[in-house]
């Protein structure tokens, strides 16, 4: 996946392209909106790594730790974008 992203950061815009799993993760965060997303709701092998890399690129992402029940109860992260974002898909899949 390859996407074009525009972030609204305070009074400035930042535009760039993301591809692969980072593009996918950004699209999932944007689609989730203010509710956010958890690895339990949208399984992926390395959510924390995707969020870490997106943050390194300057994308503000909040993390809230929330409890969950079940046989393996514990805590998991809920990720939300901390800015307004618009995106468009440039390429749905990478050509192999």
C-alpha atoms as a PDB file:
ATOM      1  CA  UNK A   1       0.000   0.000   0.000  1.00  0.00           C
ATOM      2  CA  UNK A   2       1.205   3.489  -0.830  1.00  0.00           C
ATOM      3  CA  UNK A   3      -0.615   6.554   0.518  1.00  0.00           C
ATOM      4  CA  UNK A   4      -0.336  10.338   0.334  1.00  0.00           C
ATOM      5  CA  UNK A   5      -0.732  11.908   3.803  1.00  0.00           C
ATOM      6  CA  UNK A   6      -1.373  15.506   4.847  1.00  0.00           C
ATOM      7  CA  UNK A   7      -1.141  16.319   8.553  1.00  0.00           C
ATOM      8  CA  UNK A   8      -2.574  19.481  10.098  1.00  0.00           C
ATOM      9  CA  UNK A   9      -0.088  20.366  12.819  1.00  0.00           C
ATOM     10  CA  UNK A  10      -1.132  23.559  14.615  1.00  0.00           C
ATOM     11  CA  UNK A  11      -1.009  26.183  11.882  1.00  0.00           C
ATOM     12  CA  UNK A  12       1.108  24.290   9.375  1.00  0.00           C
ATOM     13  CA  UNK A  13       0.568  21.413   6.995  1.00  0.00           C
ATOM     14  CA  UNK A  14       2.980  18.565   6.433  1.00  0.00           C
ATOM     15  CA  UNK A  15       2.659  16.317   3.399  1.00  0.00           C
ATOM     16  CA  UNK A  16       4.471  13.083   2.595  1.00  0.00           C
ATOM     17  CA  UNK A  17       4.032   9.559   1.230  1.00  0.00           C
ATOM     18  CA  UNK A  18       4.074   6.301   3.153  1.00  0.00           C
ATOM     19  CA  UNK A  19       4.208   2.801   1.774  1.00  0.00           C
ATOM     20  CA  UNK A  20       4.010  -0.778   2.930  1.00  0.00           C
ATOM     21  CA  UNK A  21       3.095  -1.551   6.521  1.00  0.00           C
ATOM     22  CA  UNK A  22       3.638   2.070   7.621  1.00  0.00           C
ATOM     23  CA  UNK A  23       1.126   3.195   5.008  1.00  0.00           C
ATOM     24  CA  UNK A  24      -1.276   0.503   6.138  1.00  0.00           C
ATOM     25  CA  UNK A  25      -0.890   1.457   9.827  1.00  0.00           C
ATOM     26  CA  UNK A  26      -1.401   5.152   9.076  1.00  0.00           C
ATOM     27  CA  UNK A  27      -4.529   4.353   7.059  1.00  0.00           C
ATOM     28  CA  UNK A  28      -5.882   2.268   9.959  1.00  0.00           C
ATOM     29  CA  UNK A  29      -5.230   5.093  12.440  1.00  0.00           C
ATOM     30  CA  UNK A  30      -6.895   7.655  10.179  1.00  0.00           C
ATOM     31  CA  UNK A  31      -9.909   5.405   9.613  1.00  0.00           C
ATOM     32  CA  UNK A  32     -10.283   4.762  13.361  1.00  0.00           C
ATOM     33  CA  UNK A  33     -10.530   8.494  14.077  1.00  0.00           C
ATOM     34  CA  UNK A  34     -10.965   9.713  17.660  1.00  0.00           C
ATOM     35  CA  UNK A  35     -11.926   6.225  18.868  1.00  0.00           C
ATOM     36  CA  UNK A  36      -8.462   4.945  18.062  1.00  0.00           C
ATOM     37  CA  UNK A  37      -7.417   1.409  17.364  1.00  0.00           C
ATOM     38  CA  UNK A  38      -5.930  -1.496  19.284  1.00  0.00           C
ATOM     39  CA  UNK A  39      -3.867  -4.467  18.133  1.00  0.00           C
ATOM     40  CA  UNK A  40      -6.694  -6.682  19.414  1.00  0.00           C
ATOM     41  CA  UNK A  41      -9.228  -4.979  17.105  1.00  0.00           C
ATOM     42  CA  UNK A  42      -6.916  -4.874  14.080  1.00  0.00           C
ATOM     43  CA  UNK A  43      -4.250  -7.578  14.475  1.00  0.00           C
ATOM     44  CA  UNK A  44      -0.863  -6.956  12.912  1.00  0.00           C
ATOM     45  CA  UNK A  45       2.505  -8.438  13.783  1.00  0.00           C
ATOM     46  CA  UNK A  46       4.266  -5.257  14.973  1.00  0.00           C
ATOM     47  CA  UNK A  47       1.872  -2.439  15.881  1.00  0.00           C
ATOM     48  CA  UNK A  48       4.226  -0.938  18.455  1.00  0.00           C
ATOM     49  CA  UNK A  49       7.038  -0.835  15.881  1.00  0.00           C
ATOM     50  CA  UNK A  50       4.796   0.853  13.287  1.00  0.00           C
ATOM     51  CA  UNK A  51       3.712   3.479  15.838  1.00  0.00           C
ATOM     52  CA  UNK A  52       7.318   4.018  16.931  1.00  0.00           C
ATOM     53  CA  UNK A  53       8.473   4.586  13.345  1.00  0.00           C
ATOM     54  CA  UNK A  54       5.555   6.920  12.550  1.00  0.00           C
ATOM     55  CA  UNK A  55       6.401   8.940  15.670  1.00  0.00           C
ATOM     56  CA  UNK A  56      10.035   9.150  14.574  1.00  0.00           C
ATOM     57  CA  UNK A  57       8.745  10.696  11.354  1.00  0.00           C
ATOM     58  CA  UNK A  58       7.021  13.409  13.409  1.00  0.00           C
ATOM     59  CA  UNK A  59       3.473  12.042  13.381  1.00  0.00           C
ATOM     60  CA  UNK A  60       1.835  12.686  16.769  1.00  0.00           C
ATOM     61  CA  UNK A  61       0.200   9.505  18.076  1.00  0.00           C
ATOM     62  CA  UNK A  62      -1.255   9.086  21.562  1.00  0.00           C
ATOM     63  CA  UNK A  63      -1.125   5.816  23.471  1.00  0.00           C
ATOM     64  CA  UNK A  64      -3.644   4.917  26.152  1.00  0.00           C
ATOM     65  CA  UNK A  65      -3.259   1.676  28.076  1.00  0.00           C
ATOM     66  CA  UNK A  66      -6.623  -0.053  28.536  1.00  0.00           C
ATOM     67  CA  UNK A  67      -7.580  -3.200  30.418  1.00  0.00           C
ATOM     68  CA  UNK A  68      -9.142  -6.207  28.735  1.00  0.00           C
ATOM     69  CA  UNK A  69     -10.700  -9.338  30.171  1.00  0.00           C
ATOM     70  CA  UNK A  70     -10.892 -12.873  28.922  1.00  0.00           C
ATOM     71  CA  UNK A  71      -8.767 -15.935  29.490  1.00  0.00           C
ATOM     72  CA  UNK A  72      -5.591 -13.891  29.059  1.00  0.00           C
ATOM     73  CA  UNK A  73      -6.665 -10.653  30.718  1.00  0.00           C
ATOM     74  CA  UNK A  74      -4.271  -7.757  30.969  1.00  0.00           C
ATOM     75  CA  UNK A  75      -3.631  -4.427  29.283  1.00  0.00           C
ATOM     76  CA  UNK A  76      -3.137  -3.356  25.701  1.00  0.00           C
ATOM     77  CA  UNK A  77      -2.488  -0.092  23.898  1.00  0.00           C
ATOM     78  CA  UNK A  78      -5.093   2.049  22.143  1.00  0.00           C
ATOM     79  CA  UNK A  79      -3.462   4.319  19.545  1.00  0.00           C
ATOM     80  CA  UNK A  80      -5.021   7.557  18.295  1.00  0.00           C
ATOM     81  CA  UNK A  81      -3.741  10.253  15.981  1.00  0.00           C
ATOM     82  CA  UNK A  82      -3.182  13.526  17.840  1.00  0.00           C
ATOM     83  CA  UNK A  83      -3.760  15.747  14.799  1.00  0.00           C
ATOM     84  CA  UNK A  84      -6.101  16.064  11.854  1.00  0.00           C
ATOM     85  CA  UNK A  85      -5.106  14.006   8.840  1.00  0.00           C
ATOM     86  CA  UNK A  86      -6.263  13.507   5.287  1.00  0.00           C
ATOM     87  CA  UNK A  87      -4.986  10.749   3.073  1.00  0.00           C
ATOM     88  CA  UNK A  88      -5.472   9.243  -0.317  1.00  0.00           C
ATOM     89  CA  UNK A  89      -4.455   5.822  -1.541  1.00  0.00           C
ATOM     90  CA  UNK A  90      -1.941   6.022  -4.378  1.00  0.00           C
ATOM     91  CA  UNK A  91      -1.439   2.289  -4.795  1.00  0.00           C
ATOM     92  CA  UNK A  92      -3.493  -0.438  -3.154  1.00  0.00           C
ATOM     93  CA  UNK A  93      -0.827  -3.164  -3.380  1.00  0.00           C
ATOM     94  CA  UNK A  94       2.842  -3.254  -4.179  1.00  0.00           C
ATOM     95  CA  UNK A  95       3.674  -4.779  -7.532  1.00  0.00           C
ATOM     96  CA  UNK A  96       5.486  -8.041  -6.889  1.00  0.00           C
END
